[in-house]
Amino acid sequence: MARRMDKNLFLTVFGTVFVAEIGDKTQLATLLYAAERRGEKWTVFLGSAAALCVAAAIGVAAGEAAGRVLSPRILRWIAGLGFIAVGCWTIARS
């Protein structure tokens, strides 16, 4: 039996990941490859899109595995502390 996609979840994930990716290292690297390789924009796009899909698949698999062992509340704390740690590290490097 086919399950229906949760549109609200889809839009939440899409919006969150889209905003997080704007201006990050991945987008800047893709921009540089596209600028260096004029005329090969589809190759750059497909390579970048494939890498993001694989990274997302790893994240989904890791989240599925972690969700079997840890409660959602603990996962939110770990993710939040991780973001704070990256922010502190970024500021400290400035």
N, C-alpha and C. Protein backbone atom coordinates (compact mmCIF):
# COMPACT_ATOMS: atom_id res chain seq x y z
N MET A 1 0.84 -1.17 0.00
CA MET A 1 0.00 0.00 0.00
C MET A 1 0.89 1.24 0.00
N ALA A 2 0.65 2.16 -0.90
CA ALA A 2 1.46 3.36 -1.03
C ALA A 2 1.10 4.37 0.07
N ARG A 3 2.13 5.01 0.60
CA ARG A 3 1.91 6.04 1.62
C ARG A 3 1.96 7.41 0.96
N ARG A 4 1.15 8.32 1.46
CA ARG A 4 1.13 9.68 0.92
C ARG A 4 2.24 10.49 1.56
N MET A 5 2.84 11.36 0.77
CA MET A 5 3.90 12.22 1.28
C MET A 5 3.31 13.29 2.18
N ASP A 6 3.98 13.54 3.29
CA ASP A 6 3.59 14.61 4.20
C ASP A 6 4.10 15.92 3.61
N LYS A 7 3.20 16.70 3.01
CA LYS A 7 3.59 17.94 2.33
C LYS A 7 4.20 18.95 3.28
N ASN A 8 3.67 19.03 4.50
CA ASN A 8 4.23 19.98 5.47
C ASN A 8 5.65 19.61 5.84
N LEU A 9 5.91 18.33 6.04
CA LEU A 9 7.27 17.88 6.34
C LEU A 9 8.18 18.17 5.16
N PHE A 10 7.72 17.87 3.95
CA PHE A 10 8.52 18.15 2.75
C PHE A 10 8.90 19.63 2.67
N LEU A 11 7.92 20.50 2.84
CA LEU A 11 8.18 21.93 2.74
C LEU A 11 9.09 22.43 3.87
N THR A 12 8.94 21.88 5.06
CA THR A 12 9.80 22.24 6.18
C THR A 12 11.24 21.84 5.90
N VAL A 13 11.43 20.60 5.46
CA VAL A 13 12.79 20.12 5.16
C VAL A 13 13.38 20.91 4.00
N PHE A 14 12.60 21.10 2.93
CA PHE A 14 13.08 21.85 1.78
C PHE A 14 13.51 23.26 2.19
N GLY A 15 12.64 23.96 2.90
CA GLY A 15 12.95 25.33 3.31
C GLY A 15 14.17 25.41 4.21
N THR A 16 14.26 24.51 5.17
CA THR A 16 15.38 24.52 6.10
C THR A 16 16.70 24.25 5.38
N VAL A 17 16.72 23.22 4.55
CA VAL A 17 17.96 22.87 3.84
C VAL A 17 18.29 23.95 2.81
N PHE A 18 17.31 24.48 2.13
CA PHE A 18 17.56 25.52 1.14
C PHE A 18 18.21 26.74 1.78
N VAL A 19 17.64 27.20 2.88
CA VAL A 19 18.20 28.38 3.57
C VAL A 19 19.59 28.07 4.11
N ALA A 20 19.78 26.86 4.63
CA ALA A 20 21.09 26.50 5.18
C ALA A 20 22.16 26.43 4.09
N GLU A 21 21.78 26.06 2.88
CA GLU A 21 22.76 25.90 1.80
C GLU A 21 23.10 27.20 1.09
N ILE A 22 22.25 28.21 1.18
CA ILE A 22 22.52 29.47 0.48
C ILE A 22 23.78 30.10 1.04
N GLY A 23 24.75 30.31 0.18
CA GLY A 23 25.99 31.00 0.58
C GLY A 23 26.96 30.14 1.38
N ASP A 24 26.73 28.84 1.47
CA ASP A 24 27.67 28.03 2.24
C ASP A 24 28.83 27.59 1.35
N LYS A 25 29.76 26.84 1.93
CA LYS A 25 30.95 26.41 1.20
C LYS A 25 30.60 25.60 -0.04
N THR A 26 29.58 24.77 0.06
CA THR A 26 29.19 23.93 -1.07
C THR A 26 28.75 24.78 -2.26
N GLN A 27 27.92 25.77 -1.97
CA GLN A 27 27.44 26.62 -3.06
C GLN A 27 28.59 27.43 -3.65
N LEU A 28 29.48 27.93 -2.80
CA LEU A 28 30.61 28.71 -3.31
C LEU A 28 31.55 27.84 -4.15
N ALA A 29 31.79 26.61 -3.72
CA ALA A 29 32.64 25.70 -4.51
C ALA A 29 31.99 25.42 -5.86
N THR A 30 30.69 25.18 -5.87
CA THR A 30 29.98 24.93 -7.12
C THR A 30 30.06 26.16 -8.03
N LEU A 31 29.90 27.34 -7.46
CA LEU A 31 30.00 28.58 -8.22
C LEU A 31 31.38 28.70 -8.87
N LEU A 32 32.43 28.39 -8.12
CA LEU A 32 33.78 28.49 -8.66
C LEU A 32 34.02 27.48 -9.79
N TYR A 33 33.55 26.23 -9.61
CA TYR A 33 33.68 25.24 -10.68
C TYR A 33 32.95 25.70 -11.94
N ALA A 34 31.76 26.25 -11.77
CA ALA A 34 30.99 26.71 -12.93
C ALA A 34 31.69 27.88 -13.62
N ALA A 35 32.32 28.75 -12.85
CA ALA A 35 33.02 29.90 -13.44
C ALA A 35 34.28 29.44 -14.19
N GLU A 36 34.97 28.43 -13.65
CA GLU A 36 36.19 27.94 -14.28
C GLU A 36 35.92 27.10 -15.51
N ARG A 37 34.82 26.41 -15.53
CA ARG A 37 34.50 25.47 -16.61
C ARG A 37 33.37 26.00 -17.46
N ARG A 38 33.59 27.06 -18.14
CA ARG A 38 32.55 27.63 -19.00
C ARG A 38 32.09 26.59 -20.02
N GLY A 39 30.80 26.51 -20.22
CA GLY A 39 30.24 25.57 -21.18
C GLY A 39 29.99 24.18 -20.61
N GLU A 40 30.40 23.95 -19.37
CA GLU A 40 30.19 22.64 -18.76
C GLU A 40 29.29 22.76 -17.53
N LYS A 41 28.36 23.70 -17.59
CA LYS A 41 27.52 23.96 -16.42
C LYS A 41 26.67 22.76 -16.03
N TRP A 42 26.22 21.95 -17.00
CA TRP A 42 25.40 20.79 -16.65
C TRP A 42 26.22 19.73 -15.92
N THR A 43 27.49 19.59 -16.32
CA THR A 43 28.36 18.64 -15.62
C THR A 43 28.59 19.08 -14.19
N VAL A 44 28.83 20.38 -14.00
CA VAL A 44 29.01 20.92 -12.65
C VAL A 44 27.73 20.75 -11.84
N PHE A 45 26.58 21.07 -12.43
CA PHE A 45 25.30 20.92 -11.74
C PHE A 45 25.05 19.48 -11.34
N LEU A 46 25.23 18.54 -12.28
CA LEU A 46 24.95 17.14 -11.98
C LEU A 46 25.91 16.58 -10.93
N GLY A 47 27.18 16.96 -10.99
CA GLY A 47 28.13 16.52 -9.98
C GLY A 47 27.78 17.04 -8.61
N SER A 48 27.43 18.33 -8.54
CA SER A 48 27.05 18.96 -7.28
C SER A 48 25.75 18.36 -6.73
N ALA A 49 24.77 18.19 -7.60
CA ALA A 49 23.48 17.63 -7.18
C ALA A 49 23.64 16.19 -6.68
N ALA A 50 24.46 15.41 -7.38
CA ALA A 50 24.68 14.02 -6.96
C ALA A 50 25.35 13.98 -5.59
N ALA A 51 26.34 14.84 -5.38
CA ALA A 51 27.03 14.88 -4.08
C ALA A 51 26.07 15.26 -2.96
N LEU A 52 25.20 16.25 -3.21
CA LEU A 52 24.23 16.65 -2.19
C LEU A 52 23.23 15.54 -1.90
N CYS A 53 22.82 14.81 -2.94
CA CYS A 53 21.89 13.69 -2.74
C CYS A 53 22.53 12.59 -1.91
N VAL A 54 23.79 12.26 -2.19
CA VAL A 54 24.47 11.22 -1.43
C VAL A 54 24.65 11.67 0.02
N ALA A 55 25.05 12.93 0.22
CA ALA A 55 25.22 13.44 1.59
C ALA A 55 23.89 13.42 2.34
N ALA A 56 22.80 13.78 1.65
CA ALA A 56 21.48 13.74 2.28
C ALA A 56 21.08 12.31 2.60
N ALA A 57 21.39 11.38 1.73
CA ALA A 57 21.06 9.97 1.97
C ALA A 57 21.80 9.44 3.21
N ILE A 58 23.05 9.84 3.35
CA ILE A 58 23.82 9.44 4.53
C ILE A 58 23.18 10.04 5.78
N GLY A 59 22.76 11.31 5.69
CA GLY A 59 22.09 11.95 6.82
C GLY A 59 20.79 11.26 7.20
N VAL A 60 20.01 10.87 6.21
CA VAL A 60 18.75 10.18 6.48
C VAL A 60 19.02 8.82 7.11
N ALA A 61 19.99 8.09 6.58
CA ALA A 61 20.31 6.77 7.14
C ALA A 61 20.84 6.90 8.57
N ALA A 62 21.70 7.88 8.81
CA ALA A 62 22.23 8.10 10.16
C ALA A 62 21.11 8.52 11.11
N GLY A 63 20.21 9.37 10.63
CA GLY A 63 19.09 9.80 11.46
C GLY A 63 18.15 8.65 11.78
N GLU A 64 17.92 7.79 10.82
CA GLU A 64 17.07 6.62 11.05
C GLU A 64 17.70 5.71 12.11
N ALA A 65 19.01 5.48 11.97
CA ALA A 65 19.70 4.61 12.94
C ALA A 65 19.73 5.25 14.33
N ALA A 66 20.03 6.55 14.38
CA ALA A 66 20.08 7.25 15.68
C ALA A 66 18.70 7.29 16.32
N GLY A 67 17.66 7.43 15.50
CA GLY A 67 16.29 7.48 16.01
C GLY A 67 15.84 6.18 16.63
N ARG A 68 16.48 5.09 16.28
CA ARG A 68 16.14 3.80 16.89
C ARG A 68 16.73 3.68 18.29
N VAL A 69 17.82 4.42 18.55
CA VAL A 69 18.55 4.29 19.81
C VAL A 69 18.27 5.46 20.76
N LEU A 70 18.11 6.66 20.19
CA LEU A 70 17.95 7.87 21.00
C LEU A 70 16.58 8.48 20.81
N SER A 71 16.11 9.17 21.83
CA SER A 71 14.81 9.85 21.72
C SER A 71 14.96 11.11 20.87
N PRO A 72 13.87 11.56 20.26
CA PRO A 72 13.92 12.80 19.47
C PRO A 72 14.42 14.00 20.28
N ARG A 73 14.07 14.04 21.55
CA ARG A 73 14.53 15.16 22.39
C ARG A 73 16.05 15.17 22.52
N ILE A 74 16.64 14.01 22.76
CA ILE A 74 18.10 13.94 22.87
C ILE A 74 18.75 14.29 21.53
N LEU A 75 18.17 13.83 20.42
CA LEU A 75 18.71 14.16 19.11
C LEU A 75 18.67 15.66 18.85
N ARG A 76 17.57 16.34 19.27
CA ARG A 76 17.48 17.79 19.10
C ARG A 76 18.56 18.48 19.91
N TRP A 77 18.81 18.00 21.14
CA TRP A 77 19.87 18.59 21.97
C TRP A 77 21.24 18.40 21.32
N ILE A 78 21.50 17.21 20.82
CA ILE A 78 22.78 16.94 20.16
C ILE A 78 22.95 17.84 18.94
N ALA A 79 21.91 17.95 18.13
CA ALA A 79 21.98 18.80 16.94
C ALA A 79 22.17 20.26 17.33
N GLY A 80 21.42 20.73 18.31
CA GLY A 80 21.55 22.12 18.75
C GLY A 80 22.93 22.42 19.29
N LEU A 81 23.45 21.53 20.12
CA LEU A 81 24.80 21.73 20.66
C LEU A 81 25.84 21.68 19.55
N GLY A 82 25.61 20.83 18.56
CA GLY A 82 26.52 20.77 17.42
C GLY A 82 26.56 22.09 16.65
N PHE A 83 25.37 22.67 16.41
CA PHE A 83 25.32 23.96 15.72
C PHE A 83 26.00 25.05 16.54
N ILE A 84 25.77 25.05 17.85
CA ILE A 84 26.42 26.04 18.71
C ILE A 84 27.94 25.86 18.67
N ALA A 85 28.41 24.62 18.72
CA ALA A 85 29.85 24.36 18.68
C ALA A 85 30.46 24.85 17.37
N VAL A 86 29.79 24.59 16.25
CA VAL A 86 30.31 25.07 14.96
C VAL A 86 30.32 26.59 14.93
N GLY A 87 29.27 27.22 15.45
CA GLY A 87 29.23 28.69 15.50
C GLY A 87 30.36 29.25 16.34
N CYS A 88 30.60 28.67 17.51
CA CYS A 88 31.70 29.14 18.38
C CYS A 88 33.04 28.94 17.69
N TRP A 89 33.21 27.80 17.06
CA TRP A 89 34.47 27.52 16.36
C TRP A 89 34.68 28.52 15.22
N THR A 90 33.59 28.85 14.48
CA THR A 90 33.68 29.81 13.39
C THR A 90 34.07 31.19 13.91
N ILE A 91 33.45 31.61 15.01
CA ILE A 91 33.77 32.92 15.59
C ILE A 91 35.20 32.93 16.12
N ALA A 92 35.62 31.86 16.75
CA ALA A 92 36.98 31.80 17.33
C ALA A 92 38.05 31.87 16.24
N ARG A 93 37.76 31.36 15.07
CA ARG A 93 38.73 31.38 13.98
C ARG A 93 38.86 32.75 13.34
N SER A 94 37.94 33.65 13.61
CA SER A 94 37.94 34.99 12.98
C SER A 94 39.05 35.86 13.52
